[in-house]
Amino acid sequence: MSLIKKDGYDFAFNPKGCESCEGNCCIGESGNIWISRQEIEYLKNHLNISIEELTSKYIEKRGYRYSIKERKLAENNYACIFFDLEKRQCGIYEARPTQCRTFPFWEYFKTNKEEVIKECPAIKEL
């Protein structure tokens, strides 16, 4: 088992855990899926669509930042627009934004470890 560890976090991440997960990090309460302008450009190229099509279908501006849109599944239950519900996996994995790439090692989880343990079956306490 190859655990991923990061300084400052008292938990590790086992990538194999994603195989048995239902996509908990991509589904749940509504939130922000931040994406930078550079990542938007990369995603546009990855999907081979125009910036206009990408921003109208998949991106929304929130204040001075951009977020990937979500779709409502049920009351208080949303999924990233790029999450494939049938395959239970990310549809843009190679082009996913930094926020997704760095999960679960978010600053927030340094002091809210119980929350990420509850959400993610790949978390292992150290």
N, C-alpha and C. Protein backbone atom coordinates (compact mmCIF):
# COMPACT_ATOMS: atom_id res chain seq x y z
N MET A 1 0.86 -1.18 0.00
CA MET A 1 0.00 0.00 0.00
C MET A 1 0.90 1.23 0.00
N SER A 2 0.80 2.07 -1.02
CA SER A 2 1.62 3.27 -1.10
C SER A 2 0.81 4.49 -0.65
N LEU A 3 1.00 4.87 0.60
CA LEU A 3 0.30 6.01 1.16
C LEU A 3 0.99 7.31 0.76
N ILE A 4 0.18 8.32 0.48
CA ILE A 4 0.71 9.64 0.19
C ILE A 4 0.60 10.46 1.46
N LYS A 5 1.73 11.04 1.85
CA LYS A 5 1.77 11.86 3.07
C LYS A 5 2.24 13.25 2.68
N LYS A 6 1.84 14.22 3.50
CA LYS A 6 2.27 15.59 3.26
C LYS A 6 2.57 16.24 4.61
N ASP A 7 3.66 16.97 4.66
CA ASP A 7 4.05 17.66 5.90
C ASP A 7 2.91 18.54 6.39
N GLY A 8 2.69 18.49 7.71
CA GLY A 8 1.67 19.33 8.32
C GLY A 8 0.32 18.67 8.46
N TYR A 9 0.17 17.45 7.92
CA TYR A 9 -1.10 16.73 7.98
C TYR A 9 -0.88 15.45 8.79
N ASP A 10 -1.81 15.17 9.71
CA ASP A 10 -1.68 13.96 10.52
C ASP A 10 -2.54 12.82 9.99
N PHE A 11 -2.66 12.79 8.67
CA PHE A 11 -3.32 11.69 7.98
C PHE A 11 -2.59 11.47 6.65
N ALA A 12 -2.84 10.32 6.07
CA ALA A 12 -2.27 9.98 4.76
C ALA A 12 -3.42 9.61 3.83
N PHE A 13 -3.08 9.51 2.55
CA PHE A 13 -4.07 9.20 1.53
C PHE A 13 -3.62 7.96 0.77
N ASN A 14 -4.51 6.98 0.67
CA ASN A 14 -4.24 5.77 -0.10
C ASN A 14 -5.01 5.86 -1.42
N PRO A 15 -4.32 6.11 -2.54
CA PRO A 15 -5.01 6.26 -3.83
C PRO A 15 -5.87 5.06 -4.22
N LYS A 16 -5.55 3.88 -3.72
CA LYS A 16 -6.36 2.69 -4.02
C LYS A 16 -7.78 2.82 -3.47
N GLY A 17 -7.94 3.68 -2.45
CA GLY A 17 -9.26 3.88 -1.85
C GLY A 17 -10.27 4.44 -2.83
N CYS A 18 -9.81 5.13 -3.86
CA CYS A 18 -10.71 5.71 -4.85
C CYS A 18 -11.46 4.62 -5.62
N GLU A 19 -10.87 3.45 -5.72
CA GLU A 19 -11.49 2.35 -6.48
C GLU A 19 -12.79 1.87 -5.85
N SER A 20 -12.91 2.01 -4.53
CA SER A 20 -14.12 1.53 -3.84
C SER A 20 -15.03 2.68 -3.42
N CYS A 21 -14.67 3.88 -3.76
CA CYS A 21 -15.45 5.06 -3.38
C CYS A 21 -16.52 5.35 -4.43
N GLU A 22 -17.55 6.03 -4.02
CA GLU A 22 -18.64 6.41 -4.92
C GLU A 22 -18.46 7.83 -5.46
N GLY A 23 -17.30 8.41 -5.25
CA GLY A 23 -17.06 9.77 -5.72
C GLY A 23 -17.41 10.81 -4.68
N ASN A 24 -17.20 10.49 -3.42
CA ASN A 24 -17.59 11.38 -2.33
C ASN A 24 -17.00 12.78 -2.43
N CYS A 25 -15.81 12.90 -2.99
CA CYS A 25 -15.19 14.22 -3.09
C CYS A 25 -15.78 15.04 -4.25
N CYS A 26 -16.57 14.41 -5.10
CA CYS A 26 -17.17 15.09 -6.26
C CYS A 26 -18.68 15.26 -6.12
N ILE A 27 -19.23 14.66 -5.08
CA ILE A 27 -20.68 14.68 -4.85
C ILE A 27 -20.93 15.09 -3.41
N GLY A 28 -22.01 15.83 -3.21
CA GLY A 28 -22.39 16.20 -1.84
C GLY A 28 -23.02 17.58 -1.81
N GLU A 29 -22.78 18.28 -0.72
CA GLU A 29 -23.31 19.63 -0.59
C GLU A 29 -22.73 20.51 -1.69
N SER A 30 -23.48 21.52 -2.05
CA SER A 30 -23.00 22.45 -3.06
C SER A 30 -21.79 23.21 -2.52
N GLY A 31 -20.88 23.53 -3.41
CA GLY A 31 -19.69 24.26 -3.01
C GLY A 31 -19.01 24.86 -4.22
N ASN A 32 -17.82 25.32 -4.02
CA ASN A 32 -17.04 25.90 -5.10
C ASN A 32 -16.00 24.91 -5.58
N ILE A 33 -15.88 24.79 -6.87
CA ILE A 33 -14.83 23.98 -7.48
C ILE A 33 -13.97 24.97 -8.26
N TRP A 34 -13.05 25.61 -7.55
CA TRP A 34 -12.28 26.71 -8.11
C TRP A 34 -11.40 26.26 -9.26
N ILE A 35 -11.37 27.12 -10.28
CA ILE A 35 -10.54 26.85 -11.45
C ILE A 35 -9.94 28.18 -11.90
N SER A 36 -8.65 28.18 -12.14
CA SER A 36 -7.96 29.41 -12.53
C SER A 36 -8.12 29.66 -14.03
N ARG A 37 -7.75 30.85 -14.44
CA ARG A 37 -7.82 31.17 -15.87
C ARG A 37 -6.90 30.26 -16.67
N GLN A 38 -5.73 29.98 -16.14
CA GLN A 38 -4.80 29.08 -16.82
C GLN A 38 -5.39 27.67 -16.93
N GLU A 39 -6.03 27.20 -15.88
CA GLU A 39 -6.67 25.88 -15.90
C GLU A 39 -7.86 25.85 -16.85
N ILE A 40 -8.56 26.97 -16.95
CA ILE A 40 -9.67 27.06 -17.91
C ILE A 40 -9.14 26.90 -19.32
N GLU A 41 -8.04 27.55 -19.62
CA GLU A 41 -7.42 27.45 -20.95
C GLU A 41 -7.00 26.00 -21.23
N TYR A 42 -6.39 25.36 -20.23
CA TYR A 42 -5.96 23.97 -20.38
C TYR A 42 -7.16 23.05 -20.60
N LEU A 43 -8.23 23.27 -19.83
CA LEU A 43 -9.44 22.45 -19.94
C LEU A 43 -10.10 22.64 -21.31
N LYS A 44 -10.14 23.87 -21.79
CA LYS A 44 -10.68 24.17 -23.12
C LYS A 44 -9.95 23.35 -24.18
N ASN A 45 -8.64 23.33 -24.09
CA ASN A 45 -7.84 22.57 -25.06
C ASN A 45 -8.04 21.07 -24.88
N HIS A 46 -8.14 20.62 -23.65
CA HIS A 46 -8.36 19.20 -23.37
C HIS A 46 -9.69 18.72 -23.97
N LEU A 47 -10.71 19.55 -23.84
CA LEU A 47 -12.04 19.19 -24.35
C LEU A 47 -12.21 19.53 -25.84
N ASN A 48 -11.25 20.28 -26.37
CA ASN A 48 -11.27 20.70 -27.77
C ASN A 48 -12.55 21.47 -28.10
N ILE A 49 -12.85 22.46 -27.25
CA ILE A 49 -14.01 23.33 -27.46
C ILE A 49 -13.55 24.78 -27.32
N SER A 50 -14.40 25.69 -27.73
CA SER A 50 -14.07 27.11 -27.62
C SER A 50 -14.20 27.58 -26.18
N ILE A 51 -13.55 28.68 -25.89
CA ILE A 51 -13.64 29.26 -24.55
C ILE A 51 -15.08 29.68 -24.26
N GLU A 52 -15.78 30.14 -25.29
CA GLU A 52 -17.18 30.53 -25.13
C GLU A 52 -18.06 29.34 -24.74
N GLU A 53 -17.84 28.22 -25.42
CA GLU A 53 -18.63 27.02 -25.10
C GLU A 53 -18.29 26.52 -23.69
N LEU A 54 -17.02 26.50 -23.36
CA LEU A 54 -16.61 26.04 -22.03
C LEU A 54 -17.23 26.90 -20.95
N THR A 55 -17.11 28.20 -21.08
CA THR A 55 -17.61 29.08 -20.02
C THR A 55 -19.13 29.10 -19.95
N SER A 56 -19.80 28.96 -21.06
CA SER A 56 -21.27 28.98 -21.00
C SER A 56 -21.84 27.67 -20.45
N LYS A 57 -21.21 26.56 -20.75
CA LYS A 57 -21.74 25.26 -20.32
C LYS A 57 -21.21 24.79 -18.96
N TYR A 58 -19.95 25.08 -18.66
CA TYR A 58 -19.30 24.40 -17.55
C TYR A 58 -18.71 25.29 -16.46
N ILE A 59 -18.59 26.58 -16.70
CA ILE A 59 -17.91 27.46 -15.75
C ILE A 59 -18.83 28.61 -15.38
N GLU A 60 -18.78 29.03 -14.12
CA GLU A 60 -19.51 30.22 -13.72
C GLU A 60 -18.60 31.13 -12.92
N LYS A 61 -18.83 32.42 -13.05
CA LYS A 61 -18.04 33.40 -12.33
C LYS A 61 -18.69 33.62 -10.97
N ARG A 62 -17.87 33.57 -9.94
CA ARG A 62 -18.34 33.80 -8.58
C ARG A 62 -17.45 34.89 -7.97
N GLY A 63 -17.98 36.08 -7.95
CA GLY A 63 -17.17 37.21 -7.52
C GLY A 63 -16.10 37.46 -8.56
N TYR A 64 -14.87 37.45 -8.13
CA TYR A 64 -13.75 37.65 -9.06
C TYR A 64 -13.08 36.33 -9.44
N ARG A 65 -13.67 35.21 -9.06
CA ARG A 65 -13.10 33.90 -9.34
C ARG A 65 -14.04 33.09 -10.22
N TYR A 66 -13.56 31.91 -10.63
CA TYR A 66 -14.36 31.02 -11.47
C TYR A 66 -14.50 29.66 -10.79
N SER A 67 -15.66 29.05 -10.98
CA SER A 67 -15.94 27.74 -10.40
C SER A 67 -16.57 26.86 -11.48
N ILE A 68 -16.26 25.58 -11.42
CA ILE A 68 -16.92 24.61 -12.30
C ILE A 68 -18.35 24.44 -11.80
N LYS A 69 -19.28 24.37 -12.72
CA LYS A 69 -20.69 24.22 -12.37
C LYS A 69 -20.96 22.85 -11.77
N GLU A 70 -22.06 22.79 -11.04
CA GLU A 70 -22.53 21.53 -10.46
C GLU A 70 -23.92 21.24 -11.02
N ARG A 71 -24.33 20.00 -10.91
CA ARG A 71 -25.71 19.66 -11.25
C ARG A 71 -26.37 19.11 -9.98
N LYS A 72 -27.62 19.46 -9.83
CA LYS A 72 -28.37 19.05 -8.65
C LYS A 72 -28.86 17.62 -8.84
N LEU A 73 -28.54 16.76 -7.87
CA LEU A 73 -28.97 15.37 -7.92
C LEU A 73 -30.22 15.15 -7.08
N ALA A 74 -30.27 15.83 -5.93
CA ALA A 74 -31.39 15.74 -5.00
C ALA A 74 -31.27 16.93 -4.05
N GLU A 75 -32.18 17.03 -3.12
CA GLU A 75 -32.11 18.11 -2.14
C GLU A 75 -30.77 18.06 -1.40
N ASN A 76 -30.05 19.16 -1.43
CA ASN A 76 -28.73 19.26 -0.79
C ASN A 76 -27.72 18.23 -1.27
N ASN A 77 -27.86 17.80 -2.51
CA ASN A 77 -26.92 16.84 -3.07
C ASN A 77 -26.60 17.24 -4.51
N TYR A 78 -25.34 17.54 -4.75
CA TYR A 78 -24.88 18.03 -6.04
C TYR A 78 -23.68 17.22 -6.50
N ALA A 79 -23.40 17.29 -7.79
CA ALA A 79 -22.22 16.65 -8.35
C ALA A 79 -21.52 17.63 -9.28
N CYS A 80 -20.22 17.55 -9.32
CA CYS A 80 -19.47 18.32 -10.30
C CYS A 80 -20.02 17.96 -11.69
N ILE A 81 -20.14 18.95 -12.53
CA ILE A 81 -20.69 18.73 -13.88
C ILE A 81 -19.86 17.71 -14.68
N PHE A 82 -18.59 17.55 -14.32
CA PHE A 82 -17.72 16.63 -15.04
C PHE A 82 -17.64 15.24 -14.40
N PHE A 83 -18.36 15.04 -13.31
CA PHE A 83 -18.33 13.72 -12.67
C PHE A 83 -19.27 12.78 -13.41
N ASP A 84 -18.75 11.68 -13.90
CA ASP A 84 -19.53 10.69 -14.63
C ASP A 84 -20.25 9.80 -13.61
N LEU A 85 -21.54 9.97 -13.49
CA LEU A 85 -22.32 9.25 -12.48
C LEU A 85 -22.40 7.75 -12.74
N GLU A 86 -22.35 7.34 -14.00
CA GLU A 86 -22.40 5.91 -14.31
C GLU A 86 -21.08 5.23 -14.01
N LYS A 87 -19.99 5.82 -14.44
CA LYS A 87 -18.66 5.24 -14.22
C LYS A 87 -18.13 5.53 -12.82
N ARG A 88 -18.74 6.54 -12.15
CA ARG A 88 -18.32 6.97 -10.82
C ARG A 88 -16.87 7.45 -10.83
N GLN A 89 -16.57 8.28 -11.83
CA GLN A 89 -15.22 8.82 -11.93
C GLN A 89 -15.23 10.18 -12.62
N CYS A 90 -14.13 10.88 -12.50
CA CYS A 90 -13.98 12.19 -13.08
C CYS A 90 -13.85 12.09 -14.60
N GLY A 91 -14.63 12.90 -15.30
CA GLY A 91 -14.59 12.90 -16.76
C GLY A 91 -13.48 13.75 -17.34
N ILE A 92 -12.81 14.53 -16.50
CA ILE A 92 -11.70 15.39 -16.97
C ILE A 92 -10.46 15.16 -16.11
N TYR A 93 -10.29 13.95 -15.65
CA TYR A 93 -9.24 13.65 -14.67
C TYR A 93 -7.88 14.25 -15.05
N GLU A 94 -7.45 14.11 -16.28
CA GLU A 94 -6.15 14.62 -16.71
C GLU A 94 -6.09 16.14 -16.68
N ALA A 95 -7.24 16.79 -16.78
CA ALA A 95 -7.29 18.25 -16.85
C ALA A 95 -7.98 18.86 -15.63
N ARG A 96 -8.17 18.08 -14.58
CA ARG A 96 -8.87 18.59 -13.41
C ARG A 96 -8.09 19.74 -12.77
N PRO A 97 -8.80 20.66 -12.13
CA PRO A 97 -8.11 21.81 -11.54
C PRO A 97 -7.30 21.46 -10.29
N THR A 98 -6.47 22.37 -9.88
CA THR A 98 -5.59 22.19 -8.71
C THR A 98 -6.38 21.79 -7.48
N GLN A 99 -7.53 22.38 -7.28
CA GLN A 99 -8.34 22.05 -6.10
C GLN A 99 -8.60 20.55 -6.04
N CYS A 100 -8.89 19.95 -7.16
CA CYS A 100 -9.16 18.51 -7.21
C CYS A 100 -7.86 17.71 -7.08
N ARG A 101 -6.81 18.19 -7.70
CA ARG A 101 -5.52 17.50 -7.66
C ARG A 101 -4.94 17.43 -6.25
N THR A 102 -5.23 18.44 -5.44
CA THR A 102 -4.63 18.50 -4.10
C THR A 102 -5.49 17.86 -3.01
N PHE A 103 -6.71 17.46 -3.34
CA PHE A 103 -7.55 16.79 -2.34
C PHE A 103 -6.87 15.50 -1.90
N PRO A 104 -6.83 15.17 -0.63
CA PRO A 104 -7.45 15.78 0.55
C PRO A 104 -6.53 16.74 1.32
N PHE A 105 -5.43 17.11 0.72
CA PHE A 105 -4.47 17.94 1.44
C PHE A 105 -4.79 19.43 1.29
N TRP A 106 -5.94 19.78 1.81
CA TRP A 106 -6.39 21.17 1.84
C TRP A 106 -6.11 21.73 3.22
N GLU A 107 -5.78 22.99 3.28
CA GLU A 107 -5.49 23.67 4.56
C GLU A 107 -6.63 23.44 5.56
N TYR A 108 -7.84 23.50 5.09
CA TYR A 108 -9.03 23.32 5.95
C TYR A 108 -8.99 22.01 6.72
N PHE A 109 -8.53 20.95 6.09
CA PHE A 109 -8.55 19.64 6.72
C PHE A 109 -7.46 19.46 7.78
N LYS A 110 -6.51 20.39 7.86
CA LYS A 110 -5.52 20.32 8.93
C LYS A 110 -6.19 20.38 10.29
N THR A 111 -7.25 21.16 10.38
CA THR A 111 -7.95 21.32 11.66
C THR A 111 -9.34 20.68 11.64
N ASN A 112 -9.69 20.03 10.55
CA ASN A 112 -11.00 19.37 10.43
C ASN A 112 -10.83 17.95 9.88
N LYS A 113 -9.89 17.24 10.47
CA LYS A 113 -9.54 15.89 9.99
C LYS A 113 -10.74 14.94 10.04
N GLU A 114 -11.58 15.05 11.07
CA GLU A 114 -12.71 14.14 11.20
C GLU A 114 -13.65 14.26 10.00
N GLU A 115 -13.77 15.46 9.47
CA GLU A 115 -14.64 15.68 8.32
C GLU A 115 -14.14 14.95 7.08
N VAL A 116 -12.85 15.03 6.82
CA VAL A 116 -12.30 14.36 5.64
C VAL A 116 -12.27 12.84 5.83
N ILE A 117 -12.06 12.38 7.04
CA ILE A 117 -12.09 10.93 7.32
C ILE A 117 -13.49 10.39 7.05
N LYS A 118 -14.50 11.15 7.44
CA LYS A 118 -15.89 10.74 7.22
C LYS A 118 -16.24 10.72 5.72
N GLU A 119 -15.69 11.67 4.98
CA GLU A 119 -16.01 11.81 3.55
C GLU A 119 -15.24 10.83 2.67
N CYS A 120 -13.99 10.58 3.02
CA CYS A 120 -13.10 9.87 2.09
C CYS A 120 -12.59 8.54 2.67
N PRO A 121 -12.96 7.43 2.04
CA PRO A 121 -12.50 6.12 2.54
C PRO A 121 -11.01 5.87 2.31
N ALA A 122 -10.34 6.73 1.59
CA ALA A 122 -8.91 6.56 1.30
C ALA A 122 -8.01 7.22 2.36
N ILE A 123 -8.61 7.88 3.34
CA ILE A 123 -7.84 8.56 4.38
C ILE A 123 -7.43 7.55 5.45
N LYS A 124 -6.17 7.63 5.81
CA LYS A 124 -5.63 6.78 6.87
C LYS A 124 -5.00 7.67 7.93
N GLU A 125 -5.43 7.50 9.16
CA GLU A 125 -4.86 8.30 10.26
C GLU A 125 -3.44 7.84 10.53
N LEU A 126 -2.59 8.78 10.87
CA LEU A 126 -1.20 8.46 11.20
C LEU A 126 -1.03 8.40 12.71
